[in-house]
Amino acid sequence: MSVTIYTIQDNIYCRMAKKYFDEKKITYNEYDIISDIQKAVEMEKKAKFVGVPVILIGRKTIIGFDKKRLDKILD
């Protein structure tokens, strides 16, 4: 299952999401939307949202750090 997370450095919710994935030993691709404007545009098109974190798991999009939804999708 492919996991992508769009982040901003030092954002608490982004850090929480990455810690969650690390603790579950889930590999993910991370894109900092401040340093990579193309990824910011990509995120906005896919999620139709401007804010972080945006997490893509397969075809599912999660906006924000929603642990309950992440647990449901990944377990």
C-alpha atoms as a PDB file:
ATOM      1  CA  MET A   1       0.000   0.000   0.000  1.00  0.00           C
ATOM      2  CA  SER A   2       1.392   3.370  -1.023  1.00  0.00           C
ATOM      3  CA  VAL A   3       1.484   6.094   1.644  1.00  0.00           C
ATOM      4  CA  THR A   4       2.259   9.725   0.857  1.00  0.00           C
ATOM      5  CA  ILE A   5       2.248  12.601   3.308  1.00  0.00           C
ATOM      6  CA  TYR A   6       2.394  16.283   2.398  1.00  0.00           C
ATOM      7  CA  THR A   7       3.899  18.272   5.248  1.00  0.00           C
ATOM      8  CA  ILE A   8       5.298  21.545   6.479  1.00  0.00           C
ATOM      9  CA  GLN A   9       8.380  21.337   8.616  1.00  0.00           C
ATOM     10  CA  ASP A  10       7.736  21.965  12.324  1.00  0.00           C
ATOM     11  CA  ASN A  11       3.970  21.485  12.068  1.00  0.00           C
ATOM     12  CA  ILE A  12       2.809  19.551  15.143  1.00  0.00           C
ATOM     13  CA  TYR A  13       0.220  17.492  13.269  1.00  0.00           C
ATOM     14  CA  CYS A  14       2.711  16.572  10.569  1.00  0.00           C
ATOM     15  CA  ARG A  15       5.143  15.425  13.261  1.00  0.00           C
ATOM     16  CA  MET A  16       2.398  13.394  14.925  1.00  0.00           C
ATOM     17  CA  ALA A  17       1.499  11.693  11.638  1.00  0.00           C
ATOM     18  CA  LYS A  18       5.124  10.847  10.850  1.00  0.00           C
ATOM     19  CA  LYS A  19       5.647   9.503  14.375  1.00  0.00           C
ATOM     20  CA  TYR A  20       2.521   7.360  13.962  1.00  0.00           C
ATOM     21  CA  PHE A  21       3.860   5.853  10.719  1.00  0.00           C
ATOM     22  CA  ASP A  22       7.326   5.358  12.189  1.00  0.00           C
ATOM     23  CA  GLU A  23       5.930   3.560  15.253  1.00  0.00           C
ATOM     24  CA  LYS A  24       3.892   1.256  13.009  1.00  0.00           C
ATOM     25  CA  LYS A  25       6.938   0.773  10.749  1.00  0.00           C
ATOM     26  CA  ILE A  26       5.001   2.037   7.742  1.00  0.00           C
ATOM     27  CA  THR A  27       7.112   3.375   4.908  1.00  0.00           C
ATOM     28  CA  TYR A  28       5.891   6.655   3.451  1.00  0.00           C
ATOM     29  CA  ASN A  29       6.908   9.285   0.936  1.00  0.00           C
ATOM     30  CA  GLU A  30       7.066  12.753   2.451  1.00  0.00           C
ATOM     31  CA  TYR A  31       6.871  16.018   0.562  1.00  0.00           C
ATOM     32  CA  ASP A  32       7.465  19.382   2.227  1.00  0.00           C
ATOM     33  CA  ILE A  33       5.114  21.728   0.417  1.00  0.00           C
ATOM     34  CA  ILE A  34       7.108  24.807   1.398  1.00  0.00           C
ATOM     35  CA  SER A  35      10.316  23.641  -0.259  1.00  0.00           C
ATOM     36  CA  ASP A  36       8.598  21.898  -3.190  1.00  0.00           C
ATOM     37  CA  ILE A  37       5.981  24.132  -4.784  1.00  0.00           C
ATOM     38  CA  GLN A  38       5.144  21.531  -7.453  1.00  0.00           C
ATOM     39  CA  LYS A  39       4.191  19.079  -4.690  1.00  0.00           C
ATOM     40  CA  ALA A  40       2.088  21.799  -3.046  1.00  0.00           C
ATOM     41  CA  VAL A  41       0.138  22.224  -6.292  1.00  0.00           C
ATOM     42  CA  GLU A  42      -0.147  18.430  -6.632  1.00  0.00           C
ATOM     43  CA  MET A  43      -1.486  18.155  -3.082  1.00  0.00           C
ATOM     44  CA  GLU A  44      -4.064  20.871  -3.671  1.00  0.00           C
ATOM     45  CA  LYS A  45      -5.300  19.168  -6.858  1.00  0.00           C
ATOM     46  CA  LYS A  46      -5.547  15.728  -5.244  1.00  0.00           C
ATOM     47  CA  ALA A  47      -7.020  16.776  -1.901  1.00  0.00           C
ATOM     48  CA  LYS A  48      -8.836  19.935  -2.997  1.00  0.00           C
ATOM     49  CA  PHE A  49      -7.506  21.368   0.241  1.00  0.00           C
ATOM     50  CA  VAL A  50      -4.684  23.655   1.315  1.00  0.00           C
ATOM     51  CA  GLY A  51      -3.422  22.633   4.720  1.00  0.00           C
ATOM     52  CA  VAL A  52      -1.295  19.938   6.279  1.00  0.00           C
ATOM     53  CA  PRO A  53      -0.868  17.167   6.766  1.00  0.00           C
ATOM     54  CA  VAL A  54      -2.579  15.634   3.777  1.00  0.00           C
ATOM     55  CA  ILE A  55      -2.117  11.885   3.748  1.00  0.00           C
ATOM     56  CA  LEU A  56      -2.793   9.664   0.764  1.00  0.00           C
ATOM     57  CA  ILE A  57      -3.136   5.940   1.402  1.00  0.00           C
ATOM     58  CA  GLY A  58      -3.899   4.133  -1.811  1.00  0.00           C
ATOM     59  CA  ARG A  59      -6.973   5.956  -3.116  1.00  0.00           C
ATOM     60  CA  LYS A  60      -7.994   7.363   0.259  1.00  0.00           C
ATOM     61  CA  THR A  61      -7.257  10.949   1.301  1.00  0.00           C
ATOM     62  CA  ILE A  62      -6.993  11.966   4.931  1.00  0.00           C
ATOM     63  CA  ILE A  63      -6.812  15.630   5.816  1.00  0.00           C
ATOM     64  CA  GLY A  64      -5.159  16.326   9.135  1.00  0.00           C
ATOM     65  CA  PHE A  65      -3.917  13.772  11.639  1.00  0.00           C
ATOM     66  CA  ASP A  66      -6.962  11.538  12.107  1.00  0.00           C
ATOM     67  CA  LYS A  67      -5.601   8.592  14.118  1.00  0.00           C
ATOM     68  CA  LYS A  68      -8.940   6.733  14.245  1.00  0.00           C
ATOM     69  CA  ARG A  69      -9.306   6.846  10.474  1.00  0.00           C
ATOM     70  CA  LEU A  70      -5.657   5.898   9.960  1.00  0.00           C
ATOM     71  CA  ASP A  71      -6.101   2.920  12.298  1.00  0.00           C
ATOM     72  CA  LYS A  72      -9.205   1.825  10.408  1.00  0.00           C
ATOM     73  CA  ILE A  73      -7.511   2.037   7.004  1.00  0.00           C
ATOM     74  CA  LEU A  74      -4.187   0.487   8.029  1.00  0.00           C
ATOM     75  CA  ASP A  75      -5.298  -2.283  10.401  1.00  0.00           C
END
